[in-house]
Amino acid sequence: MNQLATEASLAMSMENRKRRRRGRLRKNWHLYAFVLPTVLYFLVFHYFPAYGLVIAFKNYKVSEGIWGSAWTGFEHFERFFDSYYFWDLIRNTMGINIYQLALFPIPVIVALAFNELSNGWYKRFLQTVTYAPHFISTVVICGMIISFLNPSSGIVNQIIAGFGGEPISFLTEPGWFKTIFVVSGEWQRFGWGAILYLAALAGVDPQLHEAAKIDGATRLQRIRNVNIPSIMPTIVIMFILNMGDFMTVGFEKIYLLQNELNLKTSDVIQTYVYRSGLLQAQYSFSAAIGLFNSLINLFMLVMANRLAKRFSQTSLW
């Protein structure tokens, strides 16, 4: 008898939960309608195509299709790991991303500086100037870089020559590539990246600043002890997300700035996947390299999230 009563109670509880869920759906249907296009986008363009990763473990042939091609196991991964260019690709890819991570604080510093400006028109002018490069296309940015760094007519070499120096062929010397790529990329996005931190700073309680002023804190002390701790959760989340793209470098910009002379430092995993997959039609091999790259990104994301949760109590999950 008790068992029947328990089962009836569980059934009634489940029915009540379903009823409440349907009620929430009817009440908030417009919110779910807003979310639906984003969900469909990720399903169609990110999750459904993921089944194609199986070709990384096959000898894929277009005529036989994905499931008709023969299995090869980890042969393509072993080929990539044993190749002479493996460590060069890893070193170049990681070198560029470590360089970019070293410049991670720049948007934070810019946001803190903008937040301290009191002059309205001057602040808006500086924000517009720093945001504008974000809207310039990658192709145009690369054209500007090539033009400015031209050894004979570029403005940078003209300035160097004006100070008595010798012109430098920046884009053909491998040692300059990482600096050109990372610094130009940071110039393009640091203003736009500061927007998120400015939004976080807008939520700082003004009473904290008033209390700090009463205690005699200087502006620098208020930035260090009020503003930075207030936006630290946002900084940590952005850092975790950046670590999730640790092995991902913007393919378009690297490809447009790459040439045979700087290939030693400009060849990264993404450009190699493009050459082997699209130009040489080694679809399975390139899929294996791409999967390896994605697994490293996943590992870095999980580790960064775990460390952030342990030391700052802020994490993605």
Protein backbone atom coordinates (compact mmCIF):
# COMPACT_ATOMS: atom_id res chain seq x y z
CA MET A 1 0.00 0.00 0.00
CA ASN A 2 2.81 2.38 0.91
CA GLN A 3 4.58 1.59 -2.36
CA LEU A 4 1.47 2.46 -4.38
CA ALA A 5 1.10 5.72 -2.48
CA THR A 6 4.76 6.58 -3.14
CA GLU A 7 4.43 5.84 -6.86
CA ALA A 8 1.28 7.94 -7.06
CA SER A 9 3.03 10.80 -5.27
CA LEU A 10 5.99 10.62 -7.67
CA ALA A 11 3.67 10.55 -10.68
CA MET A 12 1.77 13.57 -9.36
CA SER A 13 5.04 15.41 -8.69
CA MET A 14 6.29 14.75 -12.24
CA GLU A 15 2.97 15.90 -13.67
CA ASN A 16 3.16 19.10 -11.65
CA ARG A 17 6.70 19.77 -12.91
CA LYS A 18 5.58 19.22 -16.50
CA ARG A 19 2.64 21.55 -15.97
CA ARG A 20 4.89 24.26 -14.52
CA ARG A 21 7.35 23.82 -17.39
CA ARG A 22 4.60 24.20 -19.98
CA GLY A 23 3.37 27.27 -18.10
CA ARG A 24 6.84 28.86 -18.25
CA LEU A 25 7.06 28.10 -21.97
CA ARG A 26 3.70 29.75 -22.64
CA LYS A 27 4.56 32.73 -20.47
CA ASN A 28 8.08 33.32 -21.88
CA TRP A 29 7.60 32.05 -25.44
CA HIS A 30 8.89 35.33 -26.91
CA LEU A 31 12.21 34.89 -25.05
CA TYR A 32 12.60 31.36 -26.39
CA ALA A 33 11.76 32.68 -29.87
CA PHE A 34 14.67 35.12 -29.59
CA VAL A 35 17.03 32.31 -28.59
CA LEU A 36 15.84 29.90 -31.29
CA PRO A 37 17.84 31.39 -34.24
CA THR A 38 21.08 31.17 -32.24
CA VAL A 39 20.37 27.59 -31.23
CA LEU A 40 19.59 26.66 -34.84
CA TYR A 41 22.78 28.37 -36.03
CA PHE A 42 24.98 26.32 -33.70
CA LEU A 43 23.11 23.11 -34.47
CA VAL A 44 23.32 23.53 -38.26
CA PHE A 45 26.83 24.98 -38.60
CA HIS A 46 28.68 23.58 -35.55
CA TYR A 47 27.10 20.41 -34.18
CA PHE A 48 25.60 18.61 -37.19
CA PRO A 49 28.81 18.89 -39.30
CA ALA A 50 30.82 17.39 -36.40
CA TYR A 51 30.00 13.89 -37.63
CA GLY A 52 32.42 14.58 -40.51
CA LEU A 53 35.33 14.38 -38.04
CA VAL A 54 35.16 10.63 -38.53
CA ILE A 55 37.18 11.07 -41.74
CA ALA A 56 40.20 11.80 -39.53
CA PHE A 57 40.21 8.05 -38.81
CA LYS A 58 39.52 6.98 -42.41
CA ASN A 59 41.17 7.10 -45.81
CA TYR A 60 38.47 9.37 -47.13
CA LYS A 61 37.65 9.23 -50.84
CA VAL A 62 34.96 11.44 -52.32
CA SER A 63 33.72 8.66 -54.62
CA GLU A 64 33.15 6.30 -51.66
CA GLY A 65 31.71 8.84 -49.22
CA ILE A 66 32.37 9.22 -45.52
CA TRP A 67 30.99 5.87 -44.38
CA GLY A 68 32.18 3.93 -47.41
CA SER A 69 35.84 4.92 -47.00
CA ALA A 70 38.24 2.50 -45.33
CA TRP A 71 39.21 2.89 -41.68
CA THR A 72 42.85 3.78 -40.95
CA GLY A 73 42.74 4.32 -37.19
CA PHE A 74 45.37 6.77 -35.93
CA GLU A 75 47.53 6.57 -39.04
CA HIS A 76 47.05 10.24 -40.00
CA PHE A 77 47.82 11.42 -36.46
CA GLU A 78 51.01 9.36 -36.37
CA ARG A 79 52.04 10.73 -39.74
CA PHE A 80 51.59 14.28 -38.48
CA PHE A 81 53.41 13.67 -35.18
CA ASP A 82 56.35 11.99 -36.97
CA SER A 83 56.69 14.66 -39.68
CA TYR A 84 59.68 17.01 -39.66
CA TYR A 85 57.45 20.10 -39.72
CA PHE A 86 55.40 19.10 -36.63
CA TRP A 87 57.48 20.98 -34.06
CA ASP A 88 57.88 24.00 -36.34
CA LEU A 89 54.09 24.32 -36.63
CA ILE A 90 53.58 23.87 -32.88
CA ARG A 91 56.33 26.37 -32.06
CA ASN A 92 55.01 29.01 -34.46
CA THR A 93 51.38 28.58 -33.39
CA MET A 94 52.14 28.64 -29.68
CA GLY A 95 54.66 31.47 -30.08
CA ILE A 96 52.09 33.77 -31.68
CA ASN A 97 49.42 32.93 -29.10
CA ILE A 98 51.76 33.41 -26.13
CA TYR A 99 52.70 36.77 -27.64
CA GLN A 100 49.00 37.66 -27.89
CA LEU A 101 48.34 36.54 -24.31
CA ALA A 102 51.17 38.79 -23.13
CA LEU A 103 49.17 41.74 -24.53
CA PHE A 104 45.93 40.59 -22.90
CA PRO A 105 45.99 43.37 -20.24
CA ILE A 106 45.96 46.18 -22.82
CA PRO A 107 42.13 46.36 -23.24
CA VAL A 108 41.78 46.34 -19.45
CA ILE A 109 44.22 49.24 -19.12
CA VAL A 110 42.45 51.15 -21.90
CA ALA A 111 39.06 50.64 -20.23
CA LEU A 112 40.42 51.82 -16.87
CA ALA A 113 41.90 54.90 -18.56
CA PHE A 114 38.65 55.72 -20.40
CA ASN A 115 36.71 55.31 -17.18
CA GLU A 116 38.80 58.04 -15.53
CA LEU A 117 38.16 60.60 -18.28
CA SER A 118 35.63 63.23 -17.27
CA ASN A 119 35.57 65.38 -20.44
CA GLY A 120 32.60 64.12 -22.48
CA TRP A 121 33.57 65.06 -26.03
CA TYR A 122 37.24 64.17 -25.56
CA LYS A 123 36.29 60.77 -24.13
CA ARG A 124 33.88 60.07 -27.00
CA PHE A 125 36.52 61.13 -29.54
CA LEU A 126 39.15 58.79 -28.11
CA GLN A 127 36.68 55.93 -27.91
CA THR A 128 35.70 56.43 -31.56
CA VAL A 129 39.35 56.51 -32.64
CA THR A 130 40.17 53.29 -30.79
CA TYR A 131 36.98 51.47 -31.87
CA ALA A 132 37.31 52.35 -35.56
CA PRO A 133 40.05 49.81 -36.50
CA HIS A 134 37.74 46.97 -35.43
CA PHE A 135 35.48 47.72 -38.40
CA ILE A 136 38.30 47.61 -40.97
CA SER A 137 38.34 44.34 -42.88
CA THR A 138 41.27 41.96 -42.58
CA VAL A 139 42.12 42.39 -46.27
CA VAL A 140 42.32 46.17 -45.91
CA ILE A 141 44.41 45.87 -42.73
CA CYS A 142 46.88 43.57 -44.51
CA GLY A 143 47.03 45.99 -47.48
CA MET A 144 47.83 48.84 -45.08
CA ILE A 145 50.56 46.78 -43.38
CA ILE A 146 52.16 45.85 -46.69
CA SER A 147 52.02 49.46 -47.86
CA PHE A 148 53.36 50.98 -44.63
CA LEU A 149 56.20 48.44 -44.34
CA ASN A 150 57.28 48.56 -47.98
CA PRO A 151 61.12 48.75 -47.96
CA SER A 152 61.26 51.42 -50.68
CA SER A 153 58.12 53.55 -50.31
CA GLY A 154 56.60 52.59 -46.94
CA ILE A 155 56.21 55.36 -44.37
CA VAL A 156 57.89 53.28 -41.65
CA ASN A 157 61.09 52.84 -43.67
CA GLN A 158 61.00 56.48 -44.69
CA ILE A 159 60.99 57.43 -41.01
CA ILE A 160 63.88 55.01 -40.37
CA ALA A 161 65.81 56.49 -43.31
CA GLY A 162 65.07 60.00 -42.00
CA PHE A 163 66.90 59.10 -38.77
CA GLY A 164 69.85 57.74 -40.74
CA GLY A 165 68.96 54.05 -40.58
CA GLU A 166 68.85 51.43 -43.29
CA PRO A 167 65.49 50.30 -44.76
CA ILE A 168 64.20 47.01 -43.34
CA SER A 169 62.29 44.46 -45.38
CA PHE A 170 59.93 43.62 -42.53
CA LEU A 171 57.68 41.16 -44.34
CA THR A 172 60.50 39.07 -45.79
CA GLU A 173 62.51 38.72 -42.58
CA PRO A 174 61.12 35.84 -40.47
CA GLY A 175 62.14 37.46 -37.19
CA TRP A 176 59.71 40.34 -37.66
CA PHE A 177 56.59 38.36 -38.58
CA LYS A 178 55.26 37.56 -35.09
CA THR A 179 55.67 41.15 -33.92
CA ILE A 180 53.95 42.57 -37.01
CA PHE A 181 51.08 40.10 -36.80
CA VAL A 182 50.42 40.43 -33.05
CA VAL A 183 50.92 44.18 -32.67
CA SER A 184 48.77 45.04 -35.69
CA GLY A 185 46.08 42.65 -34.46
CA GLU A 186 46.10 44.22 -30.99
CA TRP A 187 45.87 47.69 -32.53
CA GLN A 188 42.80 46.55 -34.45
CA ARG A 189 40.88 45.06 -31.51
CA PHE A 190 42.05 46.62 -28.23
CA GLY A 191 39.53 49.49 -28.36
CA TRP A 192 36.64 47.17 -29.12
CA GLY A 193 37.80 44.74 -26.46
CA ALA A 194 37.71 47.54 -23.88
CA ILE A 195 33.93 47.92 -24.30
CA LEU A 196 33.19 44.86 -22.17
CA TYR A 197 35.37 46.12 -19.34
CA LEU A 198 33.83 49.60 -19.57
CA ALA A 199 30.41 48.01 -19.18
CA ALA A 200 31.66 46.14 -16.10
CA LEU A 201 33.14 49.37 -14.68
CA ALA A 202 29.78 51.09 -15.14
CA GLY A 203 28.36 48.66 -12.59
CA VAL A 204 30.85 49.57 -9.85
CA ASP A 205 29.06 51.00 -6.82
CA PRO A 206 29.84 54.77 -6.61
CA GLN A 207 29.62 54.55 -2.83
CA LEU A 208 32.82 52.49 -2.82
CA HIS A 209 34.67 55.37 -4.51
CA GLU A 210 33.11 57.89 -2.14
CA ALA A 211 34.20 55.86 0.86
CA ALA A 212 37.71 55.53 -0.58
CA LYS A 213 37.90 59.31 -1.12
CA ILE A 214 36.85 59.93 2.48
CA ASP A 215 39.64 57.59 3.60
CA GLY A 216 42.10 59.66 1.55
CA ALA A 217 42.70 57.20 -1.29
CA THR A 218 44.30 58.65 -4.41
CA ARG A 219 42.92 57.99 -7.89
CA LEU A 220 45.52 55.29 -8.53
CA GLN A 221 44.68 53.61 -5.24
CA ARG A 222 40.98 53.65 -6.08
CA ILE A 223 41.71 52.06 -9.45
CA ARG A 224 43.82 49.36 -7.82
CA ASN A 225 41.59 48.65 -4.83
CA VAL A 226 38.08 49.37 -6.16
CA ASN A 227 37.89 49.20 -9.95
CA ILE A 228 40.18 46.26 -10.64
CA PRO A 229 38.68 43.93 -7.97
CA SER A 230 35.19 44.86 -9.22
CA ILE A 231 35.90 43.82 -12.81
CA MET A 232 38.19 40.89 -11.94
CA PRO A 233 35.44 38.26 -12.59
CA THR A 234 35.01 39.69 -16.11
CA ILE A 235 38.77 39.66 -16.66
CA VAL A 236 38.99 36.03 -15.53
CA ILE A 237 36.13 34.92 -17.80
CA MET A 238 37.68 36.66 -20.82
CA PHE A 239 41.05 35.07 -20.04
CA ILE A 240 39.46 31.61 -19.87
CA LEU A 241 37.77 32.18 -23.24
CA ASN A 242 41.08 33.31 -24.73
CA MET A 243 42.73 30.14 -23.46
CA GLY A 244 40.03 28.17 -25.28
CA ASP A 245 41.41 29.61 -28.53
CA PHE A 246 45.03 29.18 -27.52
CA MET A 247 46.00 27.14 -30.59
CA THR A 248 43.80 29.11 -32.97
CA VAL A 249 45.37 31.88 -35.04
CA GLY A 250 43.49 34.07 -37.50
CA PHE A 251 43.99 32.20 -40.78
CA GLU A 252 43.04 35.02 -43.16
CA LYS A 253 45.55 37.55 -41.87
CA ILE A 254 48.42 35.07 -41.64
CA TYR A 255 47.70 33.79 -45.14
CA LEU A 256 47.62 37.31 -46.60
CA LEU A 257 50.91 38.32 -44.94
CA GLN A 258 52.65 35.01 -45.55
CA ASN A 259 55.27 34.52 -48.26
CA GLU A 260 58.03 32.06 -49.04
CA LEU A 261 60.65 34.13 -47.25
CA ASN A 262 58.88 34.41 -43.89
CA LEU A 263 57.39 30.90 -43.96
CA LYS A 264 59.82 29.77 -41.27
CA THR A 265 57.93 31.74 -38.59
CA SER A 266 54.57 32.35 -40.28
CA ASP A 267 53.54 28.77 -41.04
CA VAL A 268 51.01 27.72 -38.38
CA ILE A 269 48.62 24.80 -38.01
CA GLN A 270 45.73 26.63 -39.73
CA THR A 271 47.73 27.50 -42.86
CA TYR A 272 49.14 23.97 -43.04
CA VAL A 273 45.63 22.50 -42.79
CA TYR A 274 44.57 24.78 -45.65
CA ARG A 275 47.45 23.65 -47.87
CA SER A 276 47.13 19.95 -47.12
CA GLY A 277 43.33 19.85 -47.10
CA LEU A 278 42.20 22.18 -49.87
CA LEU A 279 45.24 22.54 -52.13
CA GLN A 280 46.53 18.97 -51.88
CA ALA A 281 43.13 17.30 -51.29
CA GLN A 282 44.39 15.33 -48.26
CA TYR A 283 41.06 15.59 -46.51
CA SER A 284 41.55 12.90 -43.88
CA PHE A 285 45.03 14.09 -42.99
CA SER A 286 43.96 17.71 -42.61
CA ALA A 287 40.89 16.66 -40.57
CA ALA A 288 43.20 14.76 -38.20
CA ILE A 289 45.38 17.85 -37.74
CA GLY A 290 42.34 20.03 -37.14
CA LEU A 291 40.95 17.57 -34.58
CA PHE A 292 44.30 17.48 -32.77
CA ASN A 293 44.32 21.28 -32.66
CA SER A 294 40.76 21.39 -31.29
CA LEU A 295 41.58 18.85 -28.57
CA ILE A 296 44.47 21.01 -27.37
CA ASN A 297 42.14 24.03 -27.24
CA LEU A 298 39.62 22.00 -25.25
CA PHE A 299 42.33 20.88 -22.82
CA MET A 300 43.56 24.46 -22.34
CA LEU A 301 40.00 25.68 -21.77
CA VAL A 302 39.27 23.02 -19.14
CA MET A 303 42.58 23.60 -17.33
CA ALA A 304 42.19 27.39 -17.35
CA ASN A 305 38.64 27.07 -16.03
CA ARG A 306 39.75 24.70 -13.26
CA LEU A 307 42.64 26.94 -12.17
CA ALA A 308 40.43 30.04 -12.26
CA LYS A 309 37.79 28.29 -10.13
CA ARG A 310 40.40 27.23 -7.60
CA PHE A 311 42.19 30.57 -7.22
CA SER A 312 39.53 33.20 -7.98
CA GLN A 313 36.18 31.42 -7.42
CA THR A 314 35.16 32.56 -10.91
CA SER A 315 34.67 30.11 -13.78
CA LEU A 316 32.57 29.24 -16.78
CA TRP A 317 31.14 26.16 -15.07
